Amino acid sequence: MLKYMSPDELAALMKSGKVVGRDYCIVDVRDDDWHGGNIKGSQNSPSHGFLDKVDELVAQTKDVPTVIFHCALSQVRGPKAARIYSETRDILQTQGADKPHEVFVLRGGFQDFQAKYKNDPELVENWKDEVWGSGLQF
C-alpha cells in the first residue's frame, strides 16, 4: 500500500535541516513535462524508462531512508514508479542487502506543489512562468 506525503509535509521536510541525498530524496518521474520547473534537489528519472533503470536508482539511494516520488499530478506515473521502487528495495531488505526505508508519493504531484511554493527558491528551482503561468495542464 502506498503512503502519501502532502506538499506541506514535503516543504517542512525540505526546510527541516535534513540533507537531500542523505536523509531523503525526491524522484521526479515526469517525462517531457519535466522542463519548466522542479522541486529543488529532486532528480529526474523519466517514467518511460523507469523499469529499466530502477535497479540503478535503488543502488544510488540505498542508504536514503525516505524517498518521495512524484509526477505532474501523482495519479499514475508517480505512484507506479513508487510501487516498483518500493518492491525492489523491499526484496533487497528481506535479503539483508538494504536498510529500513519509507517510500512516499507526493499528493497532487508537482502541480499542487508548485501552485503553493513556486515563489520559494528553497523549494522550487528552474521555474519558467511561460510553461506553468499560462495555465497549461500536463
N, C-alpha and C. Protein backbone atom coordinates (compact mmCIF):
# COMPACT_ATOMS: atom_id res chain seq x y z
N MET A 1 0.84 -1.18 0.00
CA MET A 1 0.00 0.00 0.00
C MET A 1 0.89 1.25 0.00
N LEU A 2 0.58 2.15 -0.88
CA LEU A 2 1.39 3.36 -1.00
C LEU A 2 1.07 4.35 0.12
N LYS A 3 2.12 5.04 0.56
CA LYS A 3 1.96 6.11 1.54
C LYS A 3 2.08 7.43 0.80
N TYR A 4 1.32 8.41 1.25
CA TYR A 4 1.34 9.72 0.62
C TYR A 4 1.87 10.78 1.57
N MET A 5 2.49 11.80 0.98
CA MET A 5 3.01 12.95 1.71
C MET A 5 2.39 14.18 1.07
N SER A 6 1.93 15.11 1.88
CA SER A 6 1.33 16.32 1.35
C SER A 6 2.40 17.32 0.93
N PRO A 7 2.06 18.29 0.09
CA PRO A 7 3.03 19.34 -0.25
C PRO A 7 3.57 20.04 1.00
N ASP A 8 2.71 20.30 1.98
CA ASP A 8 3.15 20.96 3.21
C ASP A 8 4.15 20.09 3.98
N GLU A 9 3.90 18.80 4.03
CA GLU A 9 4.83 17.89 4.73
C GLU A 9 6.18 17.86 4.03
N LEU A 10 6.17 17.83 2.69
CA LEU A 10 7.43 17.83 1.95
C LEU A 10 8.18 19.15 2.16
N ALA A 11 7.46 20.27 2.09
CA ALA A 11 8.09 21.57 2.32
C ALA A 11 8.73 21.63 3.71
N ALA A 12 8.03 21.12 4.71
CA ALA A 12 8.57 21.11 6.08
C ALA A 12 9.82 20.22 6.16
N LEU A 13 9.79 19.08 5.50
CA LEU A 13 10.95 18.19 5.47
C LEU A 13 12.14 18.89 4.83
N MET A 14 11.90 19.56 3.70
CA MET A 14 12.98 20.23 2.97
C MET A 14 13.59 21.37 3.79
N LYS A 15 12.80 21.98 4.65
CA LYS A 15 13.28 23.11 5.45
C LYS A 15 13.69 22.70 6.86
N SER A 16 13.72 21.41 7.12
CA SER A 16 13.97 20.91 8.47
C SER A 16 15.45 20.82 8.83
N GLY A 17 16.32 21.06 7.85
CA GLY A 17 17.75 20.88 8.11
C GLY A 17 18.26 19.51 7.68
N LYS A 18 17.33 18.63 7.31
CA LYS A 18 17.75 17.33 6.78
C LYS A 18 18.35 17.54 5.40
N VAL A 19 19.22 16.63 5.00
CA VAL A 19 20.01 16.81 3.78
C VAL A 19 19.46 15.94 2.65
N VAL A 20 19.15 16.61 1.53
CA VAL A 20 18.68 15.88 0.35
C VAL A 20 19.82 14.99 -0.15
N GLY A 21 19.50 13.77 -0.49
CA GLY A 21 20.51 12.81 -0.94
C GLY A 21 21.07 11.96 0.17
N ARG A 22 20.89 12.40 1.42
CA ARG A 22 21.35 11.61 2.57
C ARG A 22 20.18 11.20 3.46
N ASP A 23 19.37 12.18 3.85
CA ASP A 23 18.23 11.91 4.73
C ASP A 23 16.96 11.60 3.95
N TYR A 24 16.86 12.17 2.78
CA TYR A 24 15.70 11.95 1.93
C TYR A 24 16.10 12.24 0.49
N CYS A 25 15.31 11.73 -0.43
CA CYS A 25 15.50 12.13 -1.83
C CYS A 25 14.13 12.20 -2.49
N ILE A 26 14.08 13.05 -3.51
CA ILE A 26 12.84 13.29 -4.25
C ILE A 26 13.09 12.84 -5.69
N VAL A 27 12.26 11.93 -6.15
CA VAL A 27 12.39 11.40 -7.51
C VAL A 27 11.20 11.89 -8.34
N ASP A 28 11.53 12.66 -9.36
CA ASP A 28 10.54 13.26 -10.26
C ASP A 28 10.51 12.39 -11.52
N VAL A 29 9.40 11.70 -11.75
CA VAL A 29 9.33 10.78 -12.88
C VAL A 29 8.61 11.37 -14.09
N ARG A 30 8.49 12.71 -14.11
CA ARG A 30 7.89 13.33 -15.31
C ARG A 30 8.81 13.10 -16.50
N ASP A 31 8.22 13.07 -17.67
CA ASP A 31 8.97 12.86 -18.90
C ASP A 31 9.25 14.23 -19.53
N ASP A 32 8.73 14.49 -20.72
CA ASP A 32 8.95 15.78 -21.38
C ASP A 32 8.36 16.94 -20.59
N ASP A 33 7.41 16.66 -19.72
CA ASP A 33 6.78 17.72 -18.93
C ASP A 33 7.63 18.14 -17.73
N TRP A 34 8.87 17.63 -17.64
CA TRP A 34 9.78 17.99 -16.56
C TRP A 34 10.33 19.41 -16.73
N HIS A 35 10.48 19.85 -17.96
CA HIS A 35 11.05 21.17 -18.21
C HIS A 35 10.07 22.25 -17.77
N GLY A 36 10.60 23.28 -17.17
CA GLY A 36 9.74 24.38 -16.74
C GLY A 36 9.70 24.57 -15.25
N GLY A 37 10.36 23.70 -14.53
CA GLY A 37 10.43 23.83 -13.08
C GLY A 37 10.44 22.49 -12.41
N ASN A 38 11.09 22.44 -11.25
CA ASN A 38 11.15 21.20 -10.49
C ASN A 38 11.33 21.51 -9.01
N ILE A 39 11.06 20.51 -8.21
CA ILE A 39 11.28 20.63 -6.78
C ILE A 39 12.78 20.64 -6.55
N LYS A 40 13.25 21.61 -5.76
CA LYS A 40 14.68 21.79 -5.55
C LYS A 40 15.32 20.51 -5.01
N GLY A 41 16.40 20.11 -5.65
CA GLY A 41 17.14 18.93 -5.22
C GLY A 41 16.59 17.62 -5.73
N SER A 42 15.49 17.67 -6.46
CA SER A 42 14.92 16.42 -6.98
C SER A 42 15.76 15.90 -8.13
N GLN A 43 15.66 14.60 -8.37
CA GLN A 43 16.34 14.02 -9.52
C GLN A 43 15.28 13.51 -10.48
N ASN A 44 15.51 13.76 -11.77
CA ASN A 44 14.57 13.33 -12.79
C ASN A 44 14.91 11.92 -13.24
N SER A 45 13.95 11.03 -13.12
CA SER A 45 14.08 9.65 -13.58
C SER A 45 12.82 9.35 -14.39
N PRO A 46 12.83 9.71 -15.69
CA PRO A 46 11.61 9.64 -16.51
C PRO A 46 10.88 8.30 -16.45
N SER A 47 9.57 8.39 -16.40
CA SER A 47 8.75 7.18 -16.27
C SER A 47 8.89 6.25 -17.48
N HIS A 48 9.15 6.83 -18.68
CA HIS A 48 9.19 5.98 -19.88
C HIS A 48 10.31 4.95 -19.85
N GLY A 49 11.34 5.14 -19.06
CA GLY A 49 12.40 4.14 -18.95
C GLY A 49 12.64 3.69 -17.53
N PHE A 50 11.66 3.97 -16.64
CA PHE A 50 11.88 3.74 -15.22
C PHE A 50 12.15 2.28 -14.87
N LEU A 51 11.37 1.39 -15.41
CA LEU A 51 11.53 -0.03 -15.07
C LEU A 51 12.93 -0.53 -15.40
N ASP A 52 13.49 -0.06 -16.52
CA ASP A 52 14.84 -0.49 -16.92
C ASP A 52 15.93 0.09 -16.01
N LYS A 53 15.63 1.20 -15.33
CA LYS A 53 16.65 1.87 -14.53
C LYS A 53 16.41 1.79 -13.03
N VAL A 54 15.38 1.06 -12.60
CA VAL A 54 15.06 1.03 -11.17
C VAL A 54 16.20 0.47 -10.33
N ASP A 55 16.90 -0.56 -10.82
CA ASP A 55 18.00 -1.13 -10.04
C ASP A 55 19.12 -0.11 -9.84
N GLU A 56 19.38 0.68 -10.86
CA GLU A 56 20.39 1.74 -10.78
C GLU A 56 19.97 2.80 -9.75
N LEU A 57 18.71 3.18 -9.77
CA LEU A 57 18.20 4.15 -8.81
C LEU A 57 18.27 3.61 -7.39
N VAL A 58 17.90 2.37 -7.20
CA VAL A 58 17.97 1.74 -5.88
C VAL A 58 19.43 1.73 -5.39
N ALA A 59 20.36 1.39 -6.26
CA ALA A 59 21.78 1.38 -5.88
C ALA A 59 22.24 2.78 -5.45
N GLN A 60 21.78 3.81 -6.14
CA GLN A 60 22.17 5.19 -5.81
C GLN A 60 21.55 5.66 -4.50
N THR A 61 20.38 5.13 -4.14
CA THR A 61 19.63 5.66 -3.00
C THR A 61 19.48 4.66 -1.86
N LYS A 62 20.24 3.58 -1.88
CA LYS A 62 20.03 2.50 -0.91
C LYS A 62 20.27 2.91 0.54
N ASP A 63 21.03 3.98 0.75
CA ASP A 63 21.27 4.44 2.12
C ASP A 63 20.33 5.56 2.54
N VAL A 64 19.42 5.93 1.67
CA VAL A 64 18.49 7.03 1.95
C VAL A 64 17.22 6.45 2.58
N PRO A 65 16.88 6.90 3.81
CA PRO A 65 15.74 6.29 4.50
C PRO A 65 14.36 6.73 4.00
N THR A 66 14.26 7.89 3.37
CA THR A 66 12.96 8.40 2.93
C THR A 66 13.06 8.82 1.46
N VAL A 67 12.23 8.22 0.62
CA VAL A 67 12.24 8.52 -0.81
C VAL A 67 10.83 8.93 -1.21
N ILE A 68 10.73 10.10 -1.86
CA ILE A 68 9.44 10.65 -2.26
C ILE A 68 9.37 10.70 -3.78
N PHE A 69 8.32 10.13 -4.35
CA PHE A 69 8.12 10.11 -5.80
C PHE A 69 6.99 11.06 -6.18
N HIS A 70 7.11 11.64 -7.37
CA HIS A 70 6.01 12.42 -7.91
C HIS A 70 6.15 12.52 -9.42
N CYS A 71 5.01 12.86 -10.04
CA CYS A 71 4.98 13.24 -11.45
C CYS A 71 4.21 14.56 -11.49
N ALA A 72 3.53 14.85 -12.56
CA ALA A 72 2.81 16.12 -12.64
C ALA A 72 1.65 16.17 -11.64
N LEU A 73 0.86 15.11 -11.59
CA LEU A 73 -0.31 15.07 -10.72
C LEU A 73 -0.24 13.97 -9.65
N SER A 74 0.74 13.08 -9.78
CA SER A 74 0.90 11.92 -8.88
C SER A 74 -0.35 11.04 -8.87
N GLN A 75 -0.89 10.83 -10.07
CA GLN A 75 -2.04 9.94 -10.19
C GLN A 75 -1.68 8.60 -10.83
N VAL A 76 -0.72 8.61 -11.78
CA VAL A 76 -0.37 7.37 -12.48
C VAL A 76 1.13 7.11 -12.42
N ARG A 77 1.92 7.97 -13.07
CA ARG A 77 3.36 7.72 -13.18
C ARG A 77 4.07 7.69 -11.83
N GLY A 78 3.80 8.66 -10.98
CA GLY A 78 4.45 8.72 -9.67
C GLY A 78 4.14 7.52 -8.81
N PRO A 79 2.85 7.19 -8.62
CA PRO A 79 2.53 6.01 -7.81
C PRO A 79 3.07 4.71 -8.39
N LYS A 80 3.03 4.57 -9.71
CA LYS A 80 3.55 3.34 -10.34
C LYS A 80 5.05 3.21 -10.09
N ALA A 81 5.80 4.29 -10.29
CA ALA A 81 7.24 4.25 -10.05
C ALA A 81 7.54 3.99 -8.57
N ALA A 82 6.77 4.61 -7.68
CA ALA A 82 6.98 4.39 -6.24
C ALA A 82 6.76 2.93 -5.88
N ARG A 83 5.74 2.31 -6.46
CA ARG A 83 5.46 0.90 -6.17
C ARG A 83 6.60 0.01 -6.66
N ILE A 84 7.06 0.25 -7.88
CA ILE A 84 8.16 -0.56 -8.44
C ILE A 84 9.42 -0.40 -7.60
N TYR A 85 9.75 0.84 -7.26
CA TYR A 85 10.93 1.12 -6.45
C TYR A 85 10.82 0.47 -5.07
N SER A 86 9.67 0.64 -4.44
CA SER A 86 9.45 0.11 -3.10
C SER A 86 9.56 -1.41 -3.09
N GLU A 87 8.96 -2.07 -4.07
CA GLU A 87 9.04 -3.53 -4.14
C GLU A 87 10.47 -3.98 -4.34
N THR A 88 11.24 -3.26 -5.16
CA THR A 88 12.64 -3.61 -5.41
C THR A 88 13.45 -3.49 -4.12
N ARG A 89 13.27 -2.38 -3.40
CA ARG A 89 14.01 -2.20 -2.13
C ARG A 89 13.55 -3.18 -1.07
N ASP A 90 12.26 -3.48 -1.02
CA ASP A 90 11.75 -4.43 -0.03
C ASP A 90 12.37 -5.81 -0.21
N ILE A 91 12.52 -6.23 -1.47
CA ILE A 91 13.15 -7.53 -1.74
C ILE A 91 14.59 -7.53 -1.23
N LEU A 92 15.31 -6.45 -1.52
CA LEU A 92 16.70 -6.37 -1.05
C LEU A 92 16.76 -6.37 0.47
N GLN A 93 15.81 -5.69 1.12
CA GLN A 93 15.83 -5.65 2.59
C GLN A 93 15.58 -7.04 3.18
N THR A 94 14.68 -7.82 2.58
CA THR A 94 14.43 -9.18 3.09
C THR A 94 15.65 -10.06 2.91
N GLN A 95 16.52 -9.70 1.95
CA GLN A 95 17.76 -10.46 1.73
C GLN A 95 18.90 -9.91 2.59
N GLY A 96 18.61 -8.91 3.40
CA GLY A 96 19.64 -8.31 4.25
C GLY A 96 20.55 -7.35 3.51
N ALA A 97 20.14 -6.93 2.30
CA ALA A 97 21.00 -6.09 1.47
C ALA A 97 20.52 -4.63 1.43
N ASP A 98 19.59 -4.27 2.30
CA ASP A 98 19.10 -2.89 2.33
C ASP A 98 18.69 -2.55 3.74
N LYS A 99 18.60 -1.26 4.01
CA LYS A 99 18.22 -0.75 5.32
C LYS A 99 16.72 -0.45 5.33
N PRO A 100 16.15 -0.28 6.53
CA PRO A 100 14.76 0.14 6.60
C PRO A 100 14.57 1.47 5.86
N HIS A 101 13.43 1.61 5.22
CA HIS A 101 13.19 2.79 4.39
C HIS A 101 11.69 3.02 4.27
N GLU A 102 11.34 4.24 3.90
CA GLU A 102 9.95 4.57 3.64
C GLU A 102 9.88 5.20 2.26
N VAL A 103 8.85 4.85 1.52
CA VAL A 103 8.63 5.38 0.18
C VAL A 103 7.27 6.08 0.18
N PHE A 104 7.27 7.31 -0.31
CA PHE A 104 6.05 8.11 -0.35
C PHE A 104 5.77 8.57 -1.78
N VAL A 105 4.52 8.96 -2.01
CA VAL A 105 4.10 9.64 -3.23
C VAL A 105 3.66 11.03 -2.79
N LEU A 106 4.11 12.05 -3.51
CA LEU A 106 3.71 13.42 -3.21
C LEU A 106 2.28 13.64 -3.68
N ARG A 107 1.38 13.87 -2.74
CA ARG A 107 -0.03 14.08 -3.07
C ARG A 107 -0.19 15.32 -3.95
N GLY A 108 -0.85 15.16 -5.09
CA GLY A 108 -1.07 16.28 -6.01
C GLY A 108 0.08 16.56 -6.95
N GLY A 109 1.20 15.85 -6.77
CA GLY A 109 2.35 15.98 -7.66
C GLY A 109 2.93 17.38 -7.74
N PHE A 110 3.70 17.61 -8.79
CA PHE A 110 4.34 18.91 -8.97
C PHE A 110 3.29 20.01 -9.15
N GLN A 111 2.17 19.67 -9.75
CA GLN A 111 1.11 20.66 -9.98
C GLN A 111 0.70 21.34 -8.68
N ASP A 112 0.38 20.55 -7.66
CA ASP A 112 -0.05 21.14 -6.38
C ASP A 112 1.12 21.79 -5.65
N PHE A 113 2.30 21.17 -5.71
CA PHE A 113 3.46 21.72 -5.02
C PHE A 113 3.84 23.09 -5.57
N GLN A 114 3.91 23.19 -6.90
CA GLN A 114 4.32 24.47 -7.50
C GLN A 114 3.25 25.53 -7.31
N ALA A 115 1.98 25.14 -7.28
CA ALA A 115 0.91 26.12 -7.10
C ALA A 115 1.07 26.85 -5.76
N LYS A 116 1.59 26.13 -4.77
CA LYS A 116 1.75 26.71 -3.44
C LYS A 116 3.13 27.32 -3.22
N TYR A 117 4.18 26.72 -3.81
CA TYR A 117 5.55 27.07 -3.45
C TYR A 117 6.43 27.58 -4.59
N LYS A 118 5.87 27.87 -5.76
CA LYS A 118 6.71 28.23 -6.91
C LYS A 118 7.56 29.48 -6.66
N ASN A 119 7.15 30.35 -5.74
CA ASN A 119 7.92 31.57 -5.48
C ASN A 119 8.93 31.42 -4.35
N ASP A 120 9.10 30.20 -3.86
CA ASP A 120 10.06 29.94 -2.78
C ASP A 120 11.29 29.24 -3.37
N PRO A 121 12.41 29.98 -3.53
CA PRO A 121 13.60 29.38 -4.14
C PRO A 121 14.22 28.25 -3.32
N GLU A 122 13.82 28.09 -2.08
CA GLU A 122 14.31 26.96 -1.28
C GLU A 122 13.56 25.68 -1.64
N LEU A 123 12.44 25.82 -2.34
CA LEU A 123 11.60 24.67 -2.62
C LEU A 123 11.43 24.35 -4.10
N VAL A 124 11.46 25.38 -4.96
CA VAL A 124 11.26 25.16 -6.39
C VAL A 124 12.39 25.86 -7.14
N GLU A 125 12.94 25.16 -8.14
CA GLU A 125 14.03 25.73 -8.95
C GLU A 125 13.72 25.55 -10.43
N ASN A 126 14.46 26.29 -11.25
CA ASN A 126 14.33 26.23 -12.72
C ASN A 126 12.92 26.60 -13.20
N TRP A 127 12.24 27.44 -12.44
CA TRP A 127 10.87 27.83 -12.75
C TRP A 127 10.80 28.64 -14.05
N LYS A 128 9.88 28.28 -14.90
CA LYS A 128 9.63 29.02 -16.14
C LYS A 128 8.16 29.36 -16.17
N ASP A 129 7.87 30.64 -15.93
CA ASP A 129 6.49 31.08 -15.87
C ASP A 129 5.76 30.83 -17.20
N GLU A 130 6.51 30.91 -18.32
CA GLU A 130 5.85 30.70 -19.61
C GLU A 130 5.35 29.26 -19.77
N VAL A 131 5.92 28.34 -19.02
CA VAL A 131 5.45 26.95 -19.08
C VAL A 131 4.23 26.74 -18.17
N TRP A 132 4.32 27.23 -16.93
CA TRP A 132 3.28 26.98 -15.96
C TRP A 132 2.32 28.14 -15.77
N GLY A 133 2.78 29.37 -16.02
CA GLY A 133 1.96 30.53 -15.75
C GLY A 133 0.77 30.70 -16.67
N SER A 134 0.79 30.06 -17.81
CA SER A 134 -0.30 30.22 -18.77
C SER A 134 -1.46 29.28 -18.50
N GLY A 135 -1.35 28.54 -17.40
CA GLY A 135 -2.45 27.62 -17.07
C GLY A 135 -2.37 26.30 -17.80
N LEU A 136 -1.24 26.03 -18.42
CA LEU A 136 -1.07 24.74 -19.11
C LEU A 136 -1.20 23.61 -18.10
N GLN A 137 -1.85 22.57 -18.48
CA GLN A 137 -2.01 21.39 -17.63
C GLN A 137 -1.32 20.23 -18.34
N PHE A 138 -0.57 19.49 -17.58
CA PHE A 138 0.09 18.30 -18.16
C PHE A 138 -0.59 17.06 -17.67
